[in-house]
Amino acid sequence: MREELGVVATPHERLQSVRHDYAHGTHVEIVFLRCTLDSHAFRLADEVNAARWQLPDEIEVAQVLEADREFVRALGARG
């Protein structure tokens, strides 16, 4: 969080772990954590194209990376 968004995140609990195998051969494991942020004002790293806050029901599942879809769907994302 600090490197990509310029905020400090304090982790509290593990919410879910997801393993995903992409068709092109990349294998990932993502650990979703509930965190407290020291700020809600992002300072994006040069490598970050864009960031924004969204409520779960504002998220279109098709716009999310495949490995993240199950988790955001459980939060109430559309699609």
PDB file of N, CA and C in Angstrom:
ATOM      1  N   MET A   1       0.827  -1.178   0.000  1.00  0.00           N
ATOM      2  CA  MET A   1       0.000   0.000   0.000  1.00  0.00           C
ATOM      3  C   MET A   1       0.879   1.253   0.000  1.00  0.00           C
ATOM      4  N   ARG A   2       1.915   1.226   0.807  1.00  0.00           N
ATOM      5  CA  ARG A   2       2.791   2.404   0.872  1.00  0.00           C
ATOM      6  C   ARG A   2       3.480   2.633  -0.465  1.00  0.00           C
ATOM      7  N   GLU A   3       3.988   1.567  -1.065  1.00  0.00           N
ATOM      8  CA  GLU A   3       4.731   1.702  -2.315  1.00  0.00           C
ATOM      9  C   GLU A   3       3.834   2.140  -3.475  1.00  0.00           C
ATOM     10  N   GLU A   4       2.659   1.537  -3.598  1.00  0.00           N
ATOM     11  CA  GLU A   4       1.792   1.796  -4.751  1.00  0.00           C
ATOM     12  C   GLU A   4       0.870   3.004  -4.571  1.00  0.00           C
ATOM     13  N   LEU A   5       0.349   3.198  -3.340  1.00  0.00           N
ATOM     14  CA  LEU A   5      -0.667   4.232  -3.117  1.00  0.00           C
ATOM     15  C   LEU A   5      -0.236   5.337  -2.157  1.00  0.00           C
ATOM     16  N   GLY A   6       0.929   5.175  -1.539  1.00  0.00           N
ATOM     17  CA  GLY A   6       1.430   6.218  -0.661  1.00  0.00           C
ATOM     18  C   GLY A   6       0.720   6.315   0.673  1.00  0.00           C
ATOM     19  N   VAL A   7       0.101   5.233   1.132  1.00  0.00           N
ATOM     20  CA  VAL A   7      -0.560   5.223   2.438  1.00  0.00           C
ATOM     21  C   VAL A   7      -0.048   4.032   3.248  1.00  0.00           C
ATOM     22  N   VAL A   8      -0.100   4.182   4.563  1.00  0.00           N
ATOM     23  CA  VAL A   8       0.299   3.102   5.451  1.00  0.00           C
ATOM     24  C   VAL A   8      -0.949   2.318   5.835  1.00  0.00           C
ATOM     25  N   ALA A   9      -0.887   1.005   5.705  1.00  0.00           N
ATOM     26  CA  ALA A   9      -2.011   0.131   6.055  1.00  0.00           C
ATOM     27  C   ALA A   9      -1.616  -0.729   7.246  1.00  0.00           C
ATOM     28  N   THR A  10      -2.466  -0.744   8.249  1.00  0.00           N
ATOM     29  CA  THR A  10      -2.268  -1.612   9.404  1.00  0.00           C
ATOM     30  C   THR A  10      -3.197  -2.807   9.244  1.00  0.00           C
ATOM     31  N   PRO A  11      -2.654  -4.009   9.057  1.00  0.00           N
ATOM     32  CA  PRO A  11      -3.505  -5.188   8.857  1.00  0.00           C
ATOM     33  C   PRO A  11      -4.144  -5.636  10.162  1.00  0.00           C
ATOM     34  N   HIS A  12      -5.386  -6.147  10.059  1.00  0.00           N
ATOM     35  CA  HIS A  12      -6.110  -6.611  11.231  1.00  0.00           C
ATOM     36  C   HIS A  12      -6.497  -8.081  11.147  1.00  0.00           C
ATOM     37  N   GLU A  13      -7.143  -8.471  10.075  1.00  0.00           N
ATOM     38  CA  GLU A  13      -7.544  -9.874   9.969  1.00  0.00           C
ATOM     39  C   GLU A  13      -7.514 -10.325   8.520  1.00  0.00           C
ATOM     40  N   ARG A  14      -7.262 -11.605   8.371  1.00  0.00           N
ATOM     41  CA  ARG A  14      -7.274 -12.228   7.048  1.00  0.00           C
ATOM     42  C   ARG A  14      -8.728 -12.538   6.697  1.00  0.00           C
ATOM     43  N   LEU A  15      -9.164 -12.055   5.538  1.00  0.00           N
ATOM     44  CA  LEU A  15     -10.544 -12.277   5.114  1.00  0.00           C
ATOM     45  C   LEU A  15     -10.691 -13.495   4.214  1.00  0.00           C
ATOM     46  N   GLN A  16      -9.760 -13.652   3.282  1.00  0.00           N
ATOM     47  CA  GLN A  16      -9.844 -14.765   2.341  1.00  0.00           C
ATOM     48  C   GLN A  16      -8.520 -14.901   1.600  1.00  0.00           C
ATOM     49  N   SER A  17      -8.208 -16.116   1.201  1.00  0.00           N
ATOM     50  CA  SER A  17      -7.064 -16.377   0.322  1.00  0.00           C
ATOM     51  C   SER A  17      -7.588 -17.010  -0.950  1.00  0.00           C
ATOM     52  N   VAL A  18      -7.030 -16.601  -2.072  1.00  0.00           N
ATOM     53  CA  VAL A  18      -7.454 -17.123  -3.367  1.00  0.00           C
ATOM     54  C   VAL A  18      -6.217 -17.521  -4.153  1.00  0.00           C
ATOM     55  N   ARG A  19      -6.241 -18.736  -4.702  1.00  0.00           N
ATOM     56  CA  ARG A  19      -5.218 -19.171  -5.657  1.00  0.00           C
ATOM     57  C   ARG A  19      -5.874 -19.210  -7.020  1.00  0.00           C
ATOM     58  N   HIS A  20      -5.153 -18.704  -8.011  1.00  0.00           N
ATOM     59  CA  HIS A  20      -5.733 -18.647  -9.351  1.00  0.00           C
ATOM     60  C   HIS A  20      -4.653 -18.955 -10.380  1.00  0.00           C
ATOM     61  N   ASP A  21      -5.007 -19.780 -11.349  1.00  0.00           N
ATOM     62  CA  ASP A  21      -4.121 -20.100 -12.464  1.00  0.00           C
ATOM     63  C   ASP A  21      -4.673 -19.423 -13.712  1.00  0.00           C
ATOM     64  N   TYR A  22      -3.948 -18.461 -14.229  1.00  0.00           N
ATOM     65  CA  TYR A  22      -4.353 -17.783 -15.458  1.00  0.00           C
ATOM     66  C   TYR A  22      -4.034 -18.657 -16.664  1.00  0.00           C
ATOM     67  N   ALA A  23      -4.802 -18.513 -17.717  1.00  0.00           N
ATOM     68  CA  ALA A  23      -4.637 -19.320 -18.923  1.00  0.00           C
ATOM     69  C   ALA A  23      -3.246 -19.156 -19.545  1.00  0.00           C
ATOM     70  N   HIS A  24      -2.629 -17.995 -19.397  1.00  0.00           N
ATOM     71  CA  HIS A  24      -1.311 -17.748 -20.000  1.00  0.00           C
ATOM     72  C   HIS A  24      -0.166 -18.325 -19.165  1.00  0.00           C
ATOM     73  N   GLY A  25      -0.498 -18.995 -18.039  1.00  0.00           N
ATOM     74  CA  GLY A  25       0.512 -19.703 -17.270  1.00  0.00           C
ATOM     75  C   GLY A  25       0.909 -19.086 -15.941  1.00  0.00           C
ATOM     76  N   THR A  26       0.477 -17.865 -15.673  1.00  0.00           N
ATOM     77  CA  THR A  26       0.815 -17.235 -14.396  1.00  0.00           C
ATOM     78  C   THR A  26      -0.049 -17.812 -13.280  1.00  0.00           C
ATOM     79  N   HIS A  27       0.576 -18.118 -12.167  1.00  0.00           N
ATOM     80  CA  HIS A  27      -0.124 -18.628 -10.989  1.00  0.00           C
ATOM     81  C   HIS A  27       0.021 -17.591  -9.878  1.00  0.00           C
ATOM     82  N   VAL A  28      -1.096 -17.232  -9.241  1.00  0.00           N
ATOM     83  CA  VAL A  28      -1.049 -16.229  -8.177  1.00  0.00           C
ATOM     84  C   VAL A  28      -1.767 -16.736  -6.935  1.00  0.00           C
ATOM     85  N   GLU A  29      -1.352 -16.217  -5.804  1.00  0.00           N
ATOM     86  CA  GLU A  29      -2.087 -16.392  -4.561  1.00  0.00           C
ATOM     87  C   GLU A  29      -2.296 -14.995  -3.994  1.00  0.00           C
ATOM     88  N   ILE A  30      -3.542 -14.640  -3.741  1.00  0.00           N
ATOM     89  CA  ILE A  30      -3.881 -13.326  -3.220  1.00  0.00           C
ATOM     90  C   ILE A  30      -4.475 -13.508  -1.828  1.00  0.00           C
ATOM     91  N   VAL A  31      -3.992 -12.720  -0.892  1.00  0.00           N
ATOM     92  CA  VAL A  31      -4.519 -12.739   0.468  1.00  0.00           C
ATOM     93  C   VAL A  31      -5.219 -11.414   0.701  1.00  0.00           C
ATOM     94  N   PHE A  32      -6.519 -11.465   0.953  1.00  0.00           N
ATOM     95  CA  PHE A  32      -7.307 -10.272   1.224  1.00  0.00           C
ATOM     96  C   PHE A  32      -7.330 -10.033   2.725  1.00  0.00           C
ATOM     97  N   LEU A  33      -6.979  -8.820   3.136  1.00  0.00           N
ATOM     98  CA  LEU A  33      -6.901  -8.454   4.545  1.00  0.00           C
ATOM     99  C   LEU A  33      -7.776  -7.244   4.840  1.00  0.00           C
ATOM    100  N   ARG A  34      -8.369  -7.225   6.026  1.00  0.00           N
ATOM    101  CA  ARG A  34      -9.037  -6.007   6.498  1.00  0.00           C
ATOM    102  C   ARG A  34      -7.949  -5.155   7.123  1.00  0.00           C
ATOM    103  N   CYS A  35      -7.873  -3.884   6.706  1.00  0.00           N
ATOM    104  CA  CYS A  35      -6.822  -2.980   7.167  1.00  0.00           C
ATOM    105  C   CYS A  35      -7.410  -1.637   7.579  1.00  0.00           C
ATOM    106  N   THR A  36      -6.655  -0.931   8.380  1.00  0.00           N
ATOM    107  CA  THR A  36      -6.931   0.466   8.674  1.00  0.00           C
ATOM    108  C   THR A  36      -5.864   1.279   7.955  1.00  0.00           C
ATOM    109  N   LEU A  37      -6.285   2.322   7.236  1.00  0.00           N
ATOM    110  CA  LEU A  37      -5.347   3.175   6.515  1.00  0.00           C
ATOM    111  C   LEU A  37      -5.057   4.427   7.322  1.00  0.00           C
ATOM    112  N   ASP A  38      -3.839   4.947   7.209  1.00  0.00           N
ATOM    113  CA  ASP A  38      -3.509   6.191   7.904  1.00  0.00           C
ATOM    114  C   ASP A  38      -4.042   7.412   7.176  1.00  0.00           C
ATOM    115  N   SER A  39      -4.472   7.233   5.918  1.00  0.00           N
ATOM    116  CA  SER A  39      -5.022   8.321   5.122  1.00  0.00           C
ATOM    117  C   SER A  39      -5.872   7.727   4.008  1.00  0.00           C
ATOM    118  N   HIS A  40      -6.856   8.475   3.567  1.00  0.00           N
ATOM    119  CA  HIS A  40      -7.651   8.064   2.405  1.00  0.00           C
ATOM    120  C   HIS A  40      -7.250   8.851   1.156  1.00  0.00           C
ATOM    121  N   ALA A  41      -6.252   9.690   1.275  1.00  0.00           N
ATOM    122  CA  ALA A  41      -5.746  10.473   0.144  1.00  0.00           C
ATOM    123  C   ALA A  41      -4.564   9.728  -0.462  1.00  0.00           C
ATOM    124  N   PHE A  42      -4.777   9.129  -1.617  1.00  0.00           N
ATOM    125  CA  PHE A  42      -3.723   8.367  -2.274  1.00  0.00           C
ATOM    126  C   PHE A  42      -2.698   9.293  -2.923  1.00  0.00           C
ATOM    127  N   ARG A  43      -1.452   8.874  -2.904  1.00  0.00           N
ATOM    128  CA  ARG A  43      -0.370   9.495  -3.664  1.00  0.00           C
ATOM    129  C   ARG A  43       0.181   8.385  -4.549  1.00  0.00           C
ATOM    130  N   LEU A  44      -0.335   8.315  -5.766  1.00  0.00           N
ATOM    131  CA  LEU A  44      -0.048   7.184  -6.643  1.00  0.00           C
ATOM    132  C   LEU A  44       1.403   7.140  -7.106  1.00  0.00           C
ATOM    133  N   ALA A  45       1.971   5.940  -7.089  1.00  0.00           N
ATOM    134  CA  ALA A  45       3.295   5.713  -7.664  1.00  0.00           C
ATOM    135  C   ALA A  45       3.201   5.887  -9.180  1.00  0.00           C
ATOM    136  N   ASP A  46       4.321   6.167  -9.817  1.00  0.00           N
ATOM    137  CA  ASP A  46       4.341   6.363 -11.269  1.00  0.00           C
ATOM    138  C   ASP A  46       3.784   5.162 -12.027  1.00  0.00           C
ATOM    139  N   GLU A  47       3.951   3.945 -11.463  1.00  0.00           N
ATOM    140  CA  GLU A  47       3.503   2.725 -12.137  1.00  0.00           C
ATOM    141  C   GLU A  47       1.989   2.508 -12.033  1.00  0.00           C
ATOM    142  N   VAL A  48       1.311   3.260 -11.183  1.00  0.00           N
ATOM    143  CA  VAL A  48      -0.131   3.096 -10.988  1.00  0.00           C
ATOM    144  C   VAL A  48      -0.870   4.023 -11.949  1.00  0.00           C
ATOM    145  N   ASN A  49      -1.710   3.422 -12.776  1.00  0.00           N
ATOM    146  CA  ASN A  49      -2.442   4.187 -13.777  1.00  0.00           C
ATOM    147  C   ASN A  49      -3.548   5.029 -13.150  1.00  0.00           C
ATOM    148  N   ALA A  50      -4.339   4.444 -12.251  1.00  0.00           N
ATOM    149  CA  ALA A  50      -5.460   5.155 -11.627  1.00  0.00           C
ATOM    150  C   ALA A  50      -5.910   4.395 -10.395  1.00  0.00           C
ATOM    151  N   ALA A  51      -6.545   5.102  -9.480  1.00  0.00           N
ATOM    152  CA  ALA A  51      -7.133   4.488  -8.287  1.00  0.00           C
ATOM    153  C   ALA A  51      -8.339   5.319  -7.878  1.00  0.00           C
ATOM    154  N   ARG A  52      -9.359   4.650  -7.341  1.00  0.00           N
ATOM    155  CA  ARG A  52     -10.547   5.367  -6.874  1.00  0.00           C
ATOM    156  C   ARG A  52     -11.258   4.497  -5.847  1.00  0.00           C
ATOM    157  N   TRP A  53     -12.021   5.128  -4.980  1.00  0.00           N
ATOM    158  CA  TRP A  53     -12.845   4.423  -4.012  1.00  0.00           C
ATOM    159  C   TRP A  53     -14.158   4.045  -4.664  1.00  0.00           C
ATOM    160  N   GLN A  54     -14.631   2.832  -4.436  1.00  0.00           N
ATOM    161  CA  GLN A  54     -15.928   2.386  -4.934  1.00  0.00           C
ATOM    162  C   GLN A  54     -16.591   1.517  -3.883  1.00  0.00           C
ATOM    163  N   LEU A  55     -17.907   1.631  -3.797  1.00  0.00           N
ATOM    164  CA  LEU A  55     -18.689   0.709  -2.974  1.00  0.00           C
ATOM    165  C   LEU A  55     -18.790  -0.613  -3.729  1.00  0.00           C
ATOM    166  N   PRO A  56     -18.916  -1.723  -3.021  1.00  0.00           N
ATOM    167  CA  PRO A  56     -18.975  -3.016  -3.720  1.00  0.00           C
ATOM    168  C   PRO A  56     -20.042  -3.091  -4.804  1.00  0.00           C
ATOM    169  N   ASP A  57     -21.230  -2.526  -4.572  1.00  0.00           N
ATOM    170  CA  ASP A  57     -22.289  -2.631  -5.591  1.00  0.00           C
ATOM    171  C   ASP A  57     -22.047  -1.716  -6.792  1.00  0.00           C
ATOM    172  N   GLU A  58     -21.000  -0.902  -6.756  1.00  0.00           N
ATOM    173  CA  GLU A  58     -20.623  -0.068  -7.902  1.00  0.00           C
ATOM    174  C   GLU A  58     -19.592  -0.766  -8.799  1.00  0.00           C
ATOM    175  N   ILE A  59     -19.069  -1.881  -8.328  1.00  0.00           N
ATOM    176  CA  ILE A  59     -18.025  -2.592  -9.068  1.00  0.00           C
ATOM    177  C   ILE A  59     -18.660  -3.573 -10.044  1.00  0.00           C
ATOM    178  N   GLU A  60     -18.234  -3.522 -11.282  1.00  0.00           N
ATOM    179  CA  GLU A  60     -18.651  -4.483 -12.302  1.00  0.00           C
ATOM    180  C   GLU A  60     -17.615  -5.601 -12.322  1.00  0.00           C
ATOM    181  N   VAL A  61     -18.030  -6.818 -11.981  1.00  0.00           N
ATOM    182  CA  VAL A  61     -17.105  -7.943 -11.833  1.00  0.00           C
ATOM    183  C   VAL A  61     -16.251  -8.140 -13.089  1.00  0.00           C
ATOM    184  N   ALA A  62     -16.810  -7.933 -14.257  1.00  0.00           N
ATOM    185  CA  ALA A  62     -16.063  -8.143 -15.501  1.00  0.00           C
ATOM    186  C   ALA A  62     -14.879  -7.185 -15.629  1.00  0.00           C
ATOM    187  N   GLN A  63     -14.876  -6.085 -14.891  1.00  0.00           N
ATOM    188  CA  GLN A  63     -13.796  -5.108 -14.957  1.00  0.00           C
ATOM    189  C   GLN A  63     -12.661  -5.410 -13.970  1.00  0.00           C
ATOM    190  N   VAL A  64     -12.806  -6.470 -13.186  1.00  0.00           N
ATOM    191  CA  VAL A  64     -11.843  -6.833 -12.153  1.00  0.00           C
ATOM    192  C   VAL A  64     -10.992  -8.002 -12.649  1.00  0.00           C
ATOM    193  N   LEU A  65      -9.740  -8.049 -12.239  1.00  0.00           N
ATOM    194  CA  LEU A  65      -8.884  -9.181 -12.613  1.00  0.00           C
ATOM    195  C   LEU A  65      -9.539 -10.495 -12.195  1.00  0.00           C
ATOM    196  N   GLU A  66      -9.354 -11.523 -13.006  1.00  0.00           N
ATOM    197  CA  GLU A  66      -9.997 -12.821 -12.756  1.00  0.00           C
ATOM    198  C   GLU A  66      -9.775 -13.331 -11.343  1.00  0.00           C
ATOM    199  N   ALA A  67      -8.567 -13.200 -10.835  1.00  0.00           N
ATOM    200  CA  ALA A  67      -8.249 -13.737  -9.516  1.00  0.00           C
ATOM    201  C   ALA A  67      -8.991 -13.022  -8.391  1.00  0.00           C
ATOM    202  N   ASP A  68      -9.448 -11.807  -8.629  1.00  0.00           N
ATOM    203  CA  ASP A  68     -10.149 -11.010  -7.609  1.00  0.00           C
ATOM    204  C   ASP A  68     -11.663 -11.168  -7.660  1.00  0.00           C
ATOM    205  N   ARG A  69     -12.192 -11.767  -8.700  1.00  0.00           N
ATOM    206  CA  ARG A  69     -13.639 -11.752  -8.946  1.00  0.00           C
ATOM    207  C   ARG A  69     -14.465 -12.436  -7.869  1.00  0.00           C
ATOM    208  N   GLU A  70     -14.041 -13.591  -7.403  1.00  0.00           N
ATOM    209  CA  GLU A  70     -14.804 -14.305  -6.375  1.00  0.00           C
ATOM    210  C   GLU A  70     -14.956 -13.444  -5.124  1.00  0.00           C
ATOM    211  N   PHE A  71     -13.869 -12.791  -4.719  1.00  0.00           N
ATOM    212  CA  PHE A  71     -13.902 -11.974  -3.506  1.00  0.00           C
ATOM    213  C   PHE A  71     -14.803 -10.749  -3.675  1.00  0.00           C
ATOM    214  N   VAL A  72     -14.660 -10.016  -4.781  1.00  0.00           N
ATOM    215  CA  VAL A  72     -15.494  -8.809  -4.944  1.00  0.00           C
ATOM    216  C   VAL A  72     -16.953  -9.183  -5.175  1.00  0.00           C
ATOM    217  N   ARG A  73     -17.210 -10.326  -5.770  1.00  0.00           N
ATOM    218  CA  ARG A  73     -18.588 -10.802  -5.930  1.00  0.00           C
ATOM    219  C   ARG A  73     -19.215 -11.071  -4.550  1.00  0.00           C
ATOM    220  N   ALA A  74     -18.451 -11.664  -3.641  1.00  0.00           N
ATOM    221  CA  ALA A  74     -18.928 -11.941  -2.284  1.00  0.00           C
ATOM    222  C   ALA A  74     -19.206 -10.644  -1.514  1.00  0.00           C
ATOM    223  N   LEU A  75     -18.508  -9.575  -1.862  1.00  0.00           N
ATOM    224  CA  LEU A  75     -18.754  -8.278  -1.226  1.00  0.00           C
ATOM    225  C   LEU A  75     -20.010  -7.600  -1.745  1.00  0.00           C
ATOM    226  N   GLY A  76     -20.513  -8.061  -2.900  1.00  0.00           N
ATOM    227  CA  GLY A  76     -21.725  -7.483  -3.461  1.00  0.00           C
ATOM    228  C   GLY A  76     -21.541  -6.799  -4.802  1.00  0.00           C
ATOM    229  N   ALA A  77     -20.452  -7.099  -5.497  1.00  0.00           N
ATOM    230  CA  ALA A  77     -20.219  -6.521  -6.815  1.00  0.00           C
ATOM    231  C   ALA A  77     -21.270  -7.020  -7.798  1.00  0.00           C
ATOM    232  N   ARG A  78     -21.435  -6.259  -8.887  1.00  0.00           N
ATOM    233  CA  ARG A  78     -22.422  -6.604  -9.910  1.00  0.00           C
ATOM    234  C   ARG A  78     -21.839  -7.583 -10.915  1.00  0.00           C
ATOM    235  N   GLY A  79     -22.681  -8.528 -11.332  1.00  0.00           N
ATOM    236  CA  GLY A  79     -22.296  -9.435 -12.411  1.00  0.00           C
ATOM    237  C   GLY A  79     -21.777 -10.762 -11.959  1.00  0.00           C
TER     238      GLY A  79
END
